[in-house]
Amino acid sequence: MITLKLSQIGNSVGLILPKEALLRLGVAKGDTLYLTEGAGGEMRLSAYSAEVAEEIALGEEFMDQYRDTFRALAK
């Protein structure tokens, strides 16, 4: 487990990732990360992936297209 600390950066709060975490994520300064919520409420930090971004965009498009159907099924 890697312990992280939140720091004040101007008017924002930032998270400083140690070198070990950057290496394990395969990211460097300026890269994009995703913070997603998993089952049970845990949060997951992962590196940006063009494939994942495309899948998310397709999923959002699908949900938008069938919004009324999903609402009817949820009742």
PDB file of N, CA and C in Angstrom:
ATOM      1  N   MET A   1       0.854  -1.176   0.000  1.00  0.00           N
ATOM      2  CA  MET A   1       0.000   0.000   0.000  1.00  0.00           C
ATOM      3  C   MET A   1       0.901   1.241   0.000  1.00  0.00           C
ATOM      4  N   ILE A   2       0.492   2.216  -0.794  1.00  0.00           N
ATOM      5  CA  ILE A   2       1.219   3.483  -0.861  1.00  0.00           C
ATOM      6  C   ILE A   2       0.348   4.541  -0.206  1.00  0.00           C
ATOM      7  N   THR A   3       0.901   5.266   0.758  1.00  0.00           N
ATOM      8  CA  THR A   3       0.170   6.334   1.433  1.00  0.00           C
ATOM      9  C   THR A   3       0.373   7.631   0.665  1.00  0.00           C
ATOM     10  N   LEU A   4      -0.725   8.335   0.411  1.00  0.00           N
ATOM     11  CA  LEU A   4      -0.674   9.596  -0.326  1.00  0.00           C
ATOM     12  C   LEU A   4      -1.150  10.725   0.572  1.00  0.00           C
ATOM     13  N   LYS A   5      -0.663  11.916   0.311  1.00  0.00           N
ATOM     14  CA  LYS A   5      -1.037  13.076   1.114  1.00  0.00           C
ATOM     15  C   LYS A   5      -1.558  14.174   0.195  1.00  0.00           C
ATOM     16  N   LEU A   6      -2.666  14.790   0.592  1.00  0.00           N
ATOM     17  CA  LEU A   6      -3.212  15.921  -0.153  1.00  0.00           C
ATOM     18  C   LEU A   6      -2.474  17.188   0.262  1.00  0.00           C
ATOM     19  N   SER A   7      -2.165  18.034  -0.704  1.00  0.00           N
ATOM     20  CA  SER A   7      -1.430  19.270  -0.440  1.00  0.00           C
ATOM     21  C   SER A   7      -2.161  20.452  -1.062  1.00  0.00           C
ATOM     22  N   GLN A   8      -2.029  21.607  -0.433  1.00  0.00           N
ATOM     23  CA  GLN A   8      -2.592  22.839  -0.966  1.00  0.00           C
ATOM     24  C   GLN A   8      -1.725  23.292  -2.140  1.00  0.00           C
ATOM     25  N   ILE A   9      -2.366  23.524  -3.288  1.00  0.00           N
ATOM     26  CA  ILE A   9      -1.665  24.023  -4.474  1.00  0.00           C
ATOM     27  C   ILE A   9      -2.474  25.203  -4.980  1.00  0.00           C
ATOM     28  N   GLY A  10      -2.051  26.409  -4.632  1.00  0.00           N
ATOM     29  CA  GLY A  10      -2.829  27.602  -4.968  1.00  0.00           C
ATOM     30  C   GLY A  10      -4.177  27.541  -4.266  1.00  0.00           C
ATOM     31  N   ASN A  11      -5.273  27.708  -5.024  1.00  0.00           N
ATOM     32  CA  ASN A  11      -6.613  27.625  -4.461  1.00  0.00           C
ATOM     33  C   ASN A  11      -7.191  26.216  -4.545  1.00  0.00           C
ATOM     34  N   SER A  12      -6.391  25.263  -4.985  1.00  0.00           N
ATOM     35  CA  SER A  12      -6.843  23.889  -5.167  1.00  0.00           C
ATOM     36  C   SER A  12      -6.139  22.963  -4.187  1.00  0.00           C
ATOM     37  N   VAL A  13      -6.561  21.724  -4.194  1.00  0.00           N
ATOM     38  CA  VAL A  13      -5.906  20.686  -3.413  1.00  0.00           C
ATOM     39  C   VAL A  13      -5.367  19.667  -4.404  1.00  0.00           C
ATOM     40  N   GLY A  14      -4.111  19.286  -4.245  1.00  0.00           N
ATOM     41  CA  GLY A  14      -3.475  18.355  -5.167  1.00  0.00           C
ATOM     42  C   GLY A  14      -3.010  17.100  -4.467  1.00  0.00           C
ATOM     43  N   LEU A  15      -2.794  16.086  -5.247  1.00  0.00           N
ATOM     44  CA  LEU A  15      -2.312  14.809  -4.760  1.00  0.00           C
ATOM     45  C   LEU A  15      -0.929  14.590  -5.346  1.00  0.00           C
ATOM     46  N   ILE A  16       0.039  14.392  -4.498  1.00  0.00           N
ATOM     47  CA  ILE A  16       1.406  14.157  -4.946  1.00  0.00           C
ATOM     48  C   ILE A  16       1.611  12.648  -5.026  1.00  0.00           C
ATOM     49  N   LEU A  17       1.956  12.166  -6.222  1.00  0.00           N
ATOM     50  CA  LEU A  17       2.193  10.738  -6.410  1.00  0.00           C
ATOM     51  C   LEU A  17       3.694  10.462  -6.335  1.00  0.00           C
ATOM     52  N   PRO A  18       4.105   9.553  -5.472  1.00  0.00           N
ATOM     53  CA  PRO A  18       5.527   9.227  -5.403  1.00  0.00           C
ATOM     54  C   PRO A  18       5.991   8.496  -6.658  1.00  0.00           C
ATOM     55  N   LYS A  19       7.301   8.490  -6.863  1.00  0.00           N
ATOM     56  CA  LYS A  19       7.886   7.885  -8.054  1.00  0.00           C
ATOM     57  C   LYS A  19       7.416   6.442  -8.240  1.00  0.00           C
ATOM     58  N   GLU A  20       7.338   5.676  -7.162  1.00  0.00           N
ATOM     59  CA  GLU A  20       6.901   4.274  -7.235  1.00  0.00           C
ATOM     60  C   GLU A  20       5.495   4.163  -7.832  1.00  0.00           C
ATOM     61  N   ALA A  21       4.595   5.052  -7.415  1.00  0.00           N
ATOM     62  CA  ALA A  21       3.217   5.027  -7.929  1.00  0.00           C
ATOM     63  C   ALA A  21       3.196   5.397  -9.407  1.00  0.00           C
ATOM     64  N   LEU A  22       3.993   6.388  -9.798  1.00  0.00           N
ATOM     65  CA  LEU A  22       4.063   6.787 -11.209  1.00  0.00           C
ATOM     66  C   LEU A  22       4.559   5.635 -12.076  1.00  0.00           C
ATOM     67  N   LEU A  23       5.556   4.940 -11.599  1.00  0.00           N
ATOM     68  CA  LEU A  23       6.093   3.805 -12.346  1.00  0.00           C
ATOM     69  C   LEU A  23       5.067   2.688 -12.473  1.00  0.00           C
ATOM     70  N   ARG A  24       4.375   2.380 -11.383  1.00  0.00           N
ATOM     71  CA  ARG A  24       3.382   1.297 -11.409  1.00  0.00           C
ATOM     72  C   ARG A  24       2.192   1.645 -12.299  1.00  0.00           C
ATOM     73  N   LEU A  25       1.823   2.930 -12.346  1.00  0.00           N
ATOM     74  CA  LEU A  25       0.735   3.366 -13.225  1.00  0.00           C
ATOM     75  C   LEU A  25       1.191   3.529 -14.670  1.00  0.00           C
ATOM     76  N   GLY A  26       2.496   3.654 -14.865  1.00  0.00           N
ATOM     77  CA  GLY A  26       3.040   3.865 -16.202  1.00  0.00           C
ATOM     78  C   GLY A  26       2.743   5.252 -16.734  1.00  0.00           C
ATOM     79  N   VAL A  27       2.797   6.241 -15.851  1.00  0.00           N
ATOM     80  CA  VAL A  27       2.478   7.620 -16.238  1.00  0.00           C
ATOM     81  C   VAL A  27       3.620   8.558 -15.876  1.00  0.00           C
ATOM     82  N   ALA A  28       3.551   9.750 -16.437  1.00  0.00           N
ATOM     83  CA  ALA A  28       4.530  10.790 -16.157  1.00  0.00           C
ATOM     84  C   ALA A  28       3.804  12.134 -16.085  1.00  0.00           C
ATOM     85  N   LYS A  29       4.519  13.161 -15.735  1.00  0.00           N
ATOM     86  CA  LYS A  29       3.966  14.508 -15.624  1.00  0.00           C
ATOM     87  C   LYS A  29       3.223  14.876 -16.907  1.00  0.00           C
ATOM     88  N   GLY A  30       2.002  15.380 -16.756  1.00  0.00           N
ATOM     89  CA  GLY A  30       1.201  15.807 -17.898  1.00  0.00           C
ATOM     90  C   GLY A  30       0.261  14.749 -18.437  1.00  0.00           C
ATOM     91  N   ASP A  31       0.422  13.486 -18.012  1.00  0.00           N
ATOM     92  CA  ASP A  31      -0.476  12.422 -18.467  1.00  0.00           C
ATOM     93  C   ASP A  31      -1.843  12.560 -17.796  1.00  0.00           C
ATOM     94  N   THR A  32      -2.845  11.929 -18.389  1.00  0.00           N
ATOM     95  CA  THR A  32      -4.203  11.959 -17.855  1.00  0.00           C
ATOM     96  C   THR A  32      -4.479  10.681 -17.081  1.00  0.00           C
ATOM     97  N   LEU A  33      -5.131  10.824 -15.931  1.00  0.00           N
ATOM     98  CA  LEU A  33      -5.529   9.686 -15.110  1.00  0.00           C
ATOM     99  C   LEU A  33      -7.039   9.673 -14.962  1.00  0.00           C
ATOM    100  N   TYR A  34      -7.596   8.496 -14.725  1.00  0.00           N
ATOM    101  CA  TYR A  34      -9.020   8.344 -14.434  1.00  0.00           C
ATOM    102  C   TYR A  34      -9.193   7.985 -12.971  1.00  0.00           C
ATOM    103  N   LEU A  35     -10.147   8.620 -12.313  1.00  0.00           N
ATOM    104  CA  LEU A  35     -10.558   8.245 -10.963  1.00  0.00           C
ATOM    105  C   LEU A  35     -11.988   7.758 -11.095  1.00  0.00           C
ATOM    106  N   THR A  36     -12.191   6.454 -10.907  1.00  0.00           N
ATOM    107  CA  THR A  36     -13.502   5.861 -11.099  1.00  0.00           C
ATOM    108  C   THR A  36     -13.964   5.201  -9.812  1.00  0.00           C
ATOM    109  N   GLU A  37     -15.284   5.109  -9.668  1.00  0.00           N
ATOM    110  CA  GLU A  37     -15.865   4.465  -8.491  1.00  0.00           C
ATOM    111  C   GLU A  37     -16.218   3.028  -8.846  1.00  0.00           C
ATOM    112  N   GLY A  38     -15.783   2.111  -8.007  1.00  0.00           N
ATOM    113  CA  GLY A  38     -16.064   0.697  -8.226  1.00  0.00           C
ATOM    114  C   GLY A  38     -17.213   0.235  -7.353  1.00  0.00           C
ATOM    115  N   ALA A  39     -17.514  -1.043  -7.470  1.00  0.00           N
ATOM    116  CA  ALA A  39     -18.556  -1.643  -6.649  1.00  0.00           C
ATOM    117  C   ALA A  39     -18.166  -1.506  -5.183  1.00  0.00           C
ATOM    118  N   GLY A  40     -19.124  -1.171  -4.349  1.00  0.00           N
ATOM    119  CA  GLY A  40     -18.843  -1.018  -2.926  1.00  0.00           C
ATOM    120  C   GLY A  40     -18.334   0.356  -2.557  1.00  0.00           C
ATOM    121  N   GLY A  41     -18.208   1.254  -3.546  1.00  0.00           N
ATOM    122  CA  GLY A  41     -17.820   2.629  -3.236  1.00  0.00           C
ATOM    123  C   GLY A  41     -16.327   2.904  -3.257  1.00  0.00           C
ATOM    124  N   GLU A  42     -15.487   1.879  -3.468  1.00  0.00           N
ATOM    125  CA  GLU A  42     -14.053   2.159  -3.501  1.00  0.00           C
ATOM    126  C   GLU A  42     -13.715   2.959  -4.754  1.00  0.00           C
ATOM    127  N   MET A  43     -12.631   3.699  -4.687  1.00  0.00           N
ATOM    128  CA  MET A  43     -12.197   4.532  -5.802  1.00  0.00           C
ATOM    129  C   MET A  43     -10.953   3.903  -6.422  1.00  0.00           C
ATOM    130  N   ARG A  44     -10.873   3.966  -7.755  1.00  0.00           N
ATOM    131  CA  ARG A  44      -9.756   3.374  -8.479  1.00  0.00           C
ATOM    132  C   ARG A  44      -9.102   4.441  -9.346  1.00  0.00           C
ATOM    133  N   LEU A  45      -7.785   4.524  -9.265  1.00  0.00           N
ATOM    134  CA  LEU A  45      -7.006   5.461 -10.064  1.00  0.00           C
ATOM    135  C   LEU A  45      -6.291   4.653 -11.136  1.00  0.00           C
ATOM    136  N   SER A  46      -6.491   5.019 -12.396  1.00  0.00           N
ATOM    137  CA  SER A  46      -5.856   4.278 -13.483  1.00  0.00           C
ATOM    138  C   SER A  46      -5.368   5.244 -14.554  1.00  0.00           C
ATOM    139  N   ALA A  47      -4.434   4.753 -15.341  1.00  0.00           N
ATOM    140  CA  ALA A  47      -3.854   5.559 -16.407  1.00  0.00           C
ATOM    141  C   ALA A  47      -4.848   5.712 -17.547  1.00  0.00           C
ATOM    142  N   TYR A  48      -4.735   6.810 -18.258  1.00  0.00           N
ATOM    143  CA  TYR A  48      -5.562   7.067 -19.438  1.00  0.00           C
ATOM    144  C   TYR A  48      -5.271   6.012 -20.486  1.00  0.00           C
ATOM    145  N   SER A  49      -6.322   5.519 -21.108  1.00  0.00           N
ATOM    146  CA  SER A  49      -6.189   4.562 -22.199  1.00  0.00           C
ATOM    147  C   SER A  49      -7.131   4.997 -23.307  1.00  0.00           C
ATOM    148  N   ALA A  50      -6.618   5.158 -24.503  1.00  0.00           N
ATOM    149  CA  ALA A  50      -7.454   5.577 -25.627  1.00  0.00           C
ATOM    150  C   ALA A  50      -8.579   4.569 -25.862  1.00  0.00           C
ATOM    151  N   GLU A  51      -8.284   3.276 -25.680  1.00  0.00           N
ATOM    152  CA  GLU A  51      -9.316   2.242 -25.850  1.00  0.00           C
ATOM    153  C   GLU A  51     -10.428   2.405 -24.831  1.00  0.00           C
ATOM    154  N   VAL A  52     -10.057   2.615 -23.583  1.00  0.00           N
ATOM    155  CA  VAL A  52     -11.056   2.789 -22.529  1.00  0.00           C
ATOM    156  C   VAL A  52     -11.865   4.058 -22.777  1.00  0.00           C
ATOM    157  N   ALA A  53     -11.198   5.137 -23.167  1.00  0.00           N
ATOM    158  CA  ALA A  53     -11.901   6.388 -23.447  1.00  0.00           C
ATOM    159  C   ALA A  53     -12.928   6.194 -24.556  1.00  0.00           C
ATOM    160  N   GLU A  54     -12.569   5.436 -25.590  1.00  0.00           N
ATOM    161  CA  GLU A  54     -13.492   5.178 -26.690  1.00  0.00           C
ATOM    162  C   GLU A  54     -14.673   4.327 -26.215  1.00  0.00           C
ATOM    163  N   GLU A  55     -14.394   3.317 -25.384  1.00  0.00           N
ATOM    164  CA  GLU A  55     -15.467   2.467 -24.858  1.00  0.00           C
ATOM    165  C   GLU A  55     -16.431   3.271 -23.994  1.00  0.00           C
ATOM    166  N   ILE A  56     -15.896   4.160 -23.177  1.00  0.00           N
ATOM    167  CA  ILE A  56     -16.741   5.003 -22.325  1.00  0.00           C
ATOM    168  C   ILE A  56     -17.606   5.906 -23.191  1.00  0.00           C
ATOM    169  N   ALA A  57     -17.024   6.506 -24.212  1.00  0.00           N
ATOM    170  CA  ALA A  57     -17.783   7.385 -25.110  1.00  0.00           C
ATOM    171  C   ALA A  57     -18.898   6.611 -25.808  1.00  0.00           C
ATOM    172  N   LEU A  58     -18.603   5.393 -26.266  1.00  0.00           N
ATOM    173  CA  LEU A  58     -19.635   4.577 -26.909  1.00  0.00           C
ATOM    174  C   LEU A  58     -20.738   4.201 -25.924  1.00  0.00           C
ATOM    175  N   GLY A  59     -20.368   3.875 -24.701  1.00  0.00           N
ATOM    176  CA  GLY A  59     -21.357   3.544 -23.678  1.00  0.00           C
ATOM    177  C   GLY A  59     -22.255   4.726 -23.355  1.00  0.00           C
ATOM    178  N   GLU A  60     -21.666   5.914 -23.231  1.00  0.00           N
ATOM    179  CA  GLU A  60     -22.456   7.115 -22.957  1.00  0.00           C
ATOM    180  C   GLU A  60     -23.402   7.420 -24.111  1.00  0.00           C
ATOM    181  N   GLU A  61     -22.920   7.245 -25.336  1.00  0.00           N
ATOM    182  CA  GLU A  61     -23.760   7.467 -26.516  1.00  0.00           C
ATOM    183  C   GLU A  61     -24.938   6.486 -26.527  1.00  0.00           C
ATOM    184  N   PHE A  62     -24.654   5.233 -26.211  1.00  0.00           N
ATOM    185  CA  PHE A  62     -25.698   4.198 -26.155  1.00  0.00           C
ATOM    186  C   PHE A  62     -26.739   4.536 -25.087  1.00  0.00           C
ATOM    187  N   MET A  63     -26.261   4.956 -23.906  1.00  0.00           N
ATOM    188  CA  MET A  63     -27.187   5.297 -22.817  1.00  0.00           C
ATOM    189  C   MET A  63     -28.042   6.505 -23.185  1.00  0.00           C
ATOM    190  N   ASP A  64     -27.434   7.493 -23.842  1.00  0.00           N
ATOM    191  CA  ASP A  64     -28.198   8.661 -24.283  1.00  0.00           C
ATOM    192  C   ASP A  64     -29.260   8.271 -25.307  1.00  0.00           C
ATOM    193  N   GLN A  65     -28.894   7.385 -26.232  1.00  0.00           N
ATOM    194  CA  GLN A  65     -29.803   6.971 -27.292  1.00  0.00           C
ATOM    195  C   GLN A  65     -31.018   6.225 -26.725  1.00  0.00           C
ATOM    196  N   TYR A  66     -30.807   5.431 -25.695  1.00  0.00           N
ATOM    197  CA  TYR A  66     -31.874   4.606 -25.133  1.00  0.00           C
ATOM    198  C   TYR A  66     -32.294   5.053 -23.727  1.00  0.00           C
ATOM    199  N   ARG A  67     -32.128   6.339 -23.433  1.00  0.00           N
ATOM    200  CA  ARG A  67     -32.451   6.895 -22.119  1.00  0.00           C
ATOM    201  C   ARG A  67     -33.895   6.578 -21.709  1.00  0.00           C
ATOM    202  N   ASP A  68     -34.845   6.804 -22.602  1.00  0.00           N
ATOM    203  CA  ASP A  68     -36.256   6.556 -22.273  1.00  0.00           C
ATOM    204  C   ASP A  68     -36.512   5.083 -21.985  1.00  0.00           C
ATOM    205  N   THR A  69     -35.885   4.209 -22.731  1.00  0.00           N
ATOM    206  CA  THR A  69     -36.051   2.768 -22.513  1.00  0.00           C
ATOM    207  C   THR A  69     -35.510   2.377 -21.149  1.00  0.00           C
ATOM    208  N   PHE A  70     -34.314   2.891 -20.788  1.00  0.00           N
ATOM    209  CA  PHE A  70     -33.736   2.577 -19.484  1.00  0.00           C
ATOM    210  C   PHE A  70     -34.622   3.092 -18.350  1.00  0.00           C
ATOM    211  N   ARG A  71     -35.177   4.278 -18.515  1.00  0.00           N
ATOM    212  CA  ARG A  71     -36.074   4.826 -17.480  1.00  0.00           C
ATOM    213  C   ARG A  71     -37.315   3.950 -17.317  1.00  0.00           C
ATOM    214  N   ALA A  72     -37.884   3.492 -18.425  1.00  0.00           N
ATOM    215  CA  ALA A  72     -39.071   2.635 -18.364  1.00  0.00           C
ATOM    216  C   ALA A  72     -38.725   1.311 -17.697  1.00  0.00           C
ATOM    217  N   LEU A  73     -37.574   0.746 -17.987  1.00  0.00           N
ATOM    218  CA  LEU A  73     -37.171  -0.519 -17.395  1.00  0.00           C
ATOM    219  C   LEU A  73     -36.879  -0.388 -15.903  1.00  0.00           C
ATOM    220  N   ALA A  74     -36.456   0.796 -15.487  1.00  0.00           N
ATOM    221  CA  ALA A  74     -36.089   1.020 -14.083  1.00  0.00           C
ATOM    222  C   ALA A  74     -37.317   1.117 -13.178  1.00  0.00           C
ATOM    223  N   LYS A  75     -38.481   1.304 -13.762  1.00  0.00           N
ATOM    224  CA  LYS A  75     -39.697   1.453 -12.945  1.00  0.00           C
ATOM    225  C   LYS A  75     -40.158   0.130 -12.407  1.00  0.00           C
TER     226      LYS A  75
END
